[in-house]
Amino acid sequence: MLFSLLLACGLTSAPTLVDHGFRQMYNLQFAQAHVTFADWQRSHPADPLGPVADAAAYLFAEFDRLRILQAEFFTDDTGFFQGKKPSPDPAVKLQFLAALSRSEQLITKALLANPKDPDALFADVLRRGLHADYLGLVEKNYLDSLREMKAGRLRAEQLLQQSPACYDAYVAVGTENYMLSQKPMPVRWVLRLTGARTDKDEGLRQLANAAEKGRYLLPFAKLLQAVAALRDNDTPRAKALLDWLIAEFPQNRLYAQERSRLR
């Protein structure tokens, strides 16, 4: 049982096409990532990670096109989910939602066969996190985004209870805590009444788990750590994190642009 959980969390398996596709995505090579994820889906048709990874490539392409990460994360305001509503691409939205739907169907089938299936649980954590990000950062649909974020965090906690070494799942817990901790105090108080998590320190601890030992989401966790360092005026740490991202993903102009601002 332990070996199967480690395998599902990517701790004992060699790099796969999914790993390669995520690297392409972080390097802003979205078309290539879609091809890679399609190849994985053809050879692993029952794996829900294939279509949800494809959905991630659609989402990050929209983030890049609309400059959402620059506007939402690397600003001097005190919270996320700010600013003018972007203009989503309707075709990309359809493809993104279709990929999430394919993943959900496979997740449901797998969890009916085994409610503790770690692969399906992780795919569901990622699916809900991607959907929450699209709702909140692209569509500015904050209430639905918060509901999906909370559902993803609950699913992550379920997975981590049975396998604490699924480090990517810590992103769901850490993101909710950190992002919502940036809201003004009255908003945080209301959010806590709804069951949301708003503990900044806890969020940063959870993100550190993913940033140190994660697999697919390790670079995203490091990006959020860099954002947190900038917001805390810890410029040396922000520089170090961005330097690592630049070295790993030299074609991602976001990292270089933000690093150049710190010179």
Protein backbone atom coordinates (compact mmCIF):
# COMPACT_ATOMS: atom_id res chain seq x y z
CA MET A 1 0.00 0.00 0.00
CA LEU A 2 2.76 2.48 0.90
CA PHE A 3 4.64 1.80 -2.34
CA SER A 4 1.50 2.38 -4.40
CA LEU A 5 0.92 5.71 -2.65
CA LEU A 6 4.51 6.78 -3.26
CA LEU A 7 4.21 5.79 -6.90
CA ALA A 8 0.98 7.72 -7.28
CA CYS A 9 2.57 10.81 -5.73
CA GLY A 10 5.50 10.58 -8.11
CA LEU A 11 8.13 9.88 -5.46
CA THR A 12 9.45 6.62 -6.89
CA SER A 13 8.61 6.85 -10.58
CA ALA A 14 10.87 8.13 -13.35
CA PRO A 15 9.91 11.29 -15.25
CA THR A 16 7.03 10.77 -17.67
CA LEU A 17 5.43 12.67 -20.52
CA VAL A 18 3.35 14.48 -17.89
CA ASP A 19 6.51 15.80 -16.27
CA HIS A 20 7.79 16.90 -19.67
CA GLY A 21 4.49 18.60 -20.49
CA PHE A 22 4.52 20.55 -17.23
CA ARG A 23 8.06 21.73 -17.94
CA GLN A 24 6.95 22.88 -21.39
CA MET A 25 4.03 24.70 -19.81
CA TYR A 26 6.24 26.52 -17.29
CA ASN A 27 8.47 27.50 -20.23
CA LEU A 28 5.41 29.01 -21.96
CA GLN A 29 5.53 26.33 -24.68
CA PHE A 30 1.81 25.76 -24.53
CA ALA A 31 1.25 24.23 -27.96
CA GLN A 32 4.03 21.71 -27.32
CA ALA A 33 2.59 20.92 -23.89
CA HIS A 34 -0.82 20.13 -25.42
CA VAL A 35 0.85 17.70 -27.83
CA THR A 36 2.73 16.04 -24.98
CA PHE A 37 -0.36 15.70 -22.80
CA ALA A 38 -2.34 14.32 -25.77
CA ASP A 39 0.33 11.65 -26.25
CA TRP A 40 0.02 10.71 -22.58
CA GLN A 41 -3.75 10.48 -22.81
CA ARG A 42 -3.56 8.17 -25.81
CA SER A 43 -1.29 5.78 -23.94
CA HIS A 44 -3.06 6.18 -20.57
CA PRO A 45 -6.76 6.71 -21.40
CA ALA A 46 -7.98 5.91 -17.87
CA ASP A 47 -5.61 8.33 -16.12
CA PRO A 48 -7.45 11.51 -15.06
CA LEU A 49 -4.15 13.38 -14.72
CA GLY A 50 -3.81 13.56 -18.51
CA PRO A 51 -6.81 15.78 -19.23
CA VAL A 52 -6.40 17.85 -16.08
CA ALA A 53 -2.78 18.55 -17.03
CA ASP A 54 -4.04 19.62 -20.46
CA ALA A 55 -6.48 21.96 -18.71
CA ALA A 56 -3.55 23.47 -16.79
CA ALA A 57 -1.84 24.32 -20.10
CA TYR A 58 -4.98 26.13 -21.29
CA LEU A 59 -5.22 28.06 -18.03
CA PHE A 60 -1.58 29.12 -17.95
CA ALA A 61 -1.79 30.18 -21.60
CA GLU A 62 -4.66 32.49 -20.65
CA PHE A 63 -2.67 33.75 -17.68
CA ASP A 64 0.19 34.56 -20.03
CA ARG A 65 -1.97 36.17 -22.73
CA LEU A 66 -3.83 38.35 -20.25
CA ARG A 67 -0.76 39.03 -18.07
CA ILE A 68 -2.77 37.90 -15.08
CA LEU A 69 0.15 36.73 -12.95
CA GLN A 70 1.88 40.09 -13.40
CA ALA A 71 -1.28 42.04 -12.56
CA GLU A 72 -2.54 39.88 -9.69
CA PHE A 73 0.62 38.61 -8.02
CA PHE A 74 3.41 41.10 -8.68
CA THR A 75 1.68 44.27 -7.56
CA ASP A 76 1.92 46.47 -4.51
CA ASP A 77 -1.68 46.08 -3.38
CA THR A 78 -2.66 44.11 -0.32
CA GLY A 79 -4.68 41.35 -1.86
CA PHE A 80 -5.29 39.07 -4.75
CA PHE A 81 -8.31 39.02 -7.07
CA GLN A 82 -8.00 42.73 -7.78
CA GLY A 83 -8.32 44.98 -10.77
CA LYS A 84 -10.15 45.17 -14.06
CA LYS A 85 -11.90 42.06 -15.32
CA PRO A 86 -9.91 40.43 -18.15
CA SER A 87 -11.42 39.36 -21.48
CA PRO A 88 -11.28 35.55 -21.60
CA ASP A 89 -10.95 33.81 -24.94
CA PRO A 90 -14.28 31.93 -25.44
CA ALA A 91 -12.63 29.15 -27.46
CA VAL A 92 -9.98 28.59 -24.80
CA LYS A 93 -12.65 28.55 -22.11
CA LEU A 94 -14.53 25.79 -23.94
CA GLN A 95 -11.37 23.73 -24.33
CA PHE A 96 -10.37 24.31 -20.71
CA LEU A 97 -13.77 23.28 -19.36
CA ALA A 98 -13.93 20.28 -21.70
CA ALA A 99 -10.57 19.05 -20.38
CA LEU A 100 -11.78 19.50 -16.79
CA SER A 101 -14.96 17.61 -17.62
CA ARG A 102 -13.04 14.67 -19.13
CA SER A 103 -10.88 14.55 -16.03
CA GLU A 104 -13.89 14.69 -13.72
CA GLN A 105 -15.49 11.73 -15.50
CA LEU A 106 -12.34 9.65 -15.06
CA ILE A 107 -11.96 10.78 -11.44
CA THR A 108 -15.56 9.79 -10.64
CA LYS A 109 -15.10 6.37 -12.22
CA ALA A 110 -11.85 5.74 -10.34
CA LEU A 111 -13.24 6.85 -6.96
CA LEU A 112 -16.32 4.67 -7.40
CA ALA A 113 -13.97 1.71 -7.74
CA ASN A 114 -11.70 2.87 -4.91
CA PRO A 115 -12.63 5.94 -2.80
CA LYS A 116 -9.01 6.19 -1.62
CA ASP A 117 -7.41 6.05 -5.07
CA PRO A 118 -4.49 8.50 -4.62
CA ASP A 119 -4.14 9.21 -8.34
CA ALA A 120 -7.80 10.16 -8.62
CA LEU A 121 -7.72 12.21 -5.43
CA PHE A 122 -4.70 14.17 -6.61
CA ALA A 123 -6.24 14.75 -10.03
CA ASP A 124 -9.34 16.08 -8.29
CA VAL A 125 -7.26 18.42 -6.13
CA LEU A 126 -5.62 19.79 -9.26
CA ARG A 127 -8.91 19.98 -11.18
CA ARG A 128 -10.61 22.01 -8.48
CA GLY A 129 -7.60 24.27 -8.03
CA LEU A 130 -7.44 25.06 -11.74
CA HIS A 131 -11.15 25.76 -11.86
CA ALA A 132 -10.92 28.04 -8.82
CA ASP A 133 -8.08 29.96 -10.45
CA TYR A 134 -10.03 30.42 -13.68
CA LEU A 135 -13.14 31.56 -11.85
CA GLY A 136 -11.28 33.97 -9.58
CA LEU A 137 -8.42 35.29 -11.67
CA VAL A 138 -9.88 35.20 -15.18
CA GLU A 139 -13.64 35.61 -14.68
CA LYS A 140 -13.48 37.49 -11.36
CA ASN A 141 -16.26 35.23 -10.08
CA TYR A 142 -15.05 35.39 -6.50
CA LEU A 143 -17.77 33.50 -4.63
CA ASP A 144 -17.70 30.45 -6.90
CA SER A 145 -13.91 30.57 -6.91
CA LEU A 146 -13.80 30.52 -3.11
CA ARG A 147 -16.22 27.58 -3.00
CA GLU A 148 -14.08 25.61 -5.44
CA MET A 149 -10.91 26.58 -3.59
CA LYS A 150 -12.37 25.31 -0.34
CA ALA A 151 -13.51 22.05 -1.97
CA GLY A 152 -10.03 21.54 -3.40
CA ARG A 153 -8.43 22.16 -0.02
CA LEU A 154 -10.75 19.63 1.63
CA ARG A 155 -9.89 17.06 -1.02
CA ALA A 156 -6.19 17.80 -0.52
CA GLU A 157 -6.52 17.29 3.22
CA GLN A 158 -8.23 13.96 2.55
CA LEU A 159 -5.35 12.88 0.34
CA LEU A 160 -2.67 14.13 2.73
CA GLN A 161 -4.23 12.26 5.65
CA GLN A 162 -3.55 8.97 3.91
CA SER A 163 -0.29 10.02 2.25
CA PRO A 164 1.52 13.08 3.66
CA ALA A 165 4.26 12.58 1.06
CA CYS A 166 1.99 13.74 -1.79
CA TYR A 167 3.73 17.09 -1.64
CA ASP A 168 1.98 18.68 -4.61
CA ALA A 169 -1.28 18.51 -2.67
CA TYR A 170 0.11 20.97 -0.12
CA VAL A 171 -0.28 23.69 -2.76
CA ALA A 172 -4.07 23.58 -2.38
CA VAL A 173 -3.87 24.04 1.38
CA GLY A 174 -1.13 26.63 1.23
CA THR A 175 -2.66 28.71 -1.54
CA GLU A 176 -6.00 29.11 0.22
CA ASN A 177 -4.35 30.12 3.48
CA TYR A 178 -1.86 32.53 1.93
CA MET A 179 -4.07 34.14 -0.71
CA LEU A 180 -6.96 34.73 1.65
CA SER A 181 -4.64 35.95 4.40
CA GLN A 182 -3.90 38.94 2.16
CA LYS A 183 -7.47 40.17 2.42
CA PRO A 184 -8.37 42.99 4.85
CA MET A 185 -9.22 41.90 8.39
CA PRO A 186 -13.04 42.32 8.08
CA VAL A 187 -13.02 40.18 4.93
CA ARG A 188 -10.87 37.53 6.60
CA TRP A 189 -13.30 37.42 9.52
CA VAL A 190 -16.22 36.77 7.18
CA LEU A 191 -14.25 34.19 5.25
CA ARG A 192 -13.41 32.30 8.43
CA LEU A 193 -17.11 32.14 9.27
CA THR A 194 -17.63 30.26 6.00
CA GLY A 195 -14.93 27.74 6.89
CA ALA A 196 -12.20 29.24 4.74
CA ARG A 197 -8.57 29.15 5.90
CA THR A 198 -6.77 32.49 6.22
CA ASP A 199 -3.58 31.70 8.17
CA LYS A 200 -0.62 33.30 6.38
CA ASP A 201 2.11 31.44 8.32
CA GLU A 202 0.37 28.10 7.83
CA GLY A 203 -0.03 28.86 4.15
CA LEU A 204 3.66 29.59 3.75
CA ARG A 205 4.59 26.39 5.62
CA GLN A 206 2.40 24.34 3.29
CA LEU A 207 3.78 26.05 0.20
CA ALA A 208 7.29 25.31 1.47
CA ASN A 209 6.46 21.58 1.50
CA ALA A 210 5.51 21.72 -2.17
CA ALA A 211 8.38 24.04 -3.10
CA GLU A 212 10.93 21.70 -1.55
CA LYS A 213 9.61 18.26 -2.52
CA GLY A 214 6.76 18.69 -5.00
CA ARG A 215 6.76 17.36 -8.52
CA TYR A 216 4.37 18.96 -11.00
CA LEU A 217 3.55 22.01 -8.87
CA LEU A 218 6.96 22.69 -7.35
CA PRO A 219 7.70 25.64 -9.69
CA PHE A 220 4.29 27.20 -9.02
CA ALA A 221 4.88 26.88 -5.27
CA LYS A 222 8.26 28.61 -5.66
CA LEU A 223 6.59 31.39 -7.65
CA LEU A 224 4.12 31.97 -4.81
CA GLN A 225 7.01 31.98 -2.35
CA ALA A 226 8.66 34.69 -4.44
CA VAL A 227 5.43 36.70 -4.40
CA ALA A 228 5.23 36.34 -0.62
CA ALA A 229 8.86 37.44 -0.25
CA LEU A 230 8.23 40.54 -2.36
CA ARG A 231 5.15 41.44 -0.34
CA ASP A 232 7.18 41.04 2.85
CA ASN A 233 9.97 43.24 1.41
CA ASP A 234 12.39 40.29 1.56
CA THR A 235 14.19 41.20 -1.65
CA PRO A 236 17.16 38.79 -1.28
CA ARG A 237 14.84 35.81 -0.93
CA ALA A 238 12.69 36.95 -3.84
CA LYS A 239 15.81 37.30 -5.98
CA ALA A 240 17.01 33.82 -5.07
CA LEU A 241 13.66 32.22 -5.89
CA LEU A 242 13.35 34.07 -9.20
CA ASP A 243 16.94 33.15 -10.08
CA TRP A 244 16.07 29.49 -9.58
CA LEU A 245 12.97 29.81 -11.77
CA ILE A 246 14.95 31.60 -14.51
CA ALA A 247 17.61 28.90 -14.52
CA GLU A 248 15.00 26.14 -14.72
CA PHE A 249 12.68 27.83 -17.22
CA PRO A 250 14.72 30.30 -19.29
CA GLN A 251 11.95 30.83 -21.86
CA ASN A 252 9.49 32.14 -19.28
CA ARG A 253 9.79 35.92 -19.61
CA LEU A 254 7.73 36.56 -16.46
CA TYR A 255 10.51 35.39 -14.17
CA ALA A 256 13.16 37.45 -15.93
CA GLN A 257 10.97 40.55 -16.05
CA GLU A 258 10.22 40.45 -12.34
CA ARG A 259 13.87 39.68 -11.51
CA SER A 260 15.03 42.69 -13.54
CA ARG A 261 12.82 44.96 -11.47
CA LEU A 262 14.80 43.98 -8.36
CA ARG A 263 18.22 45.07 -9.63
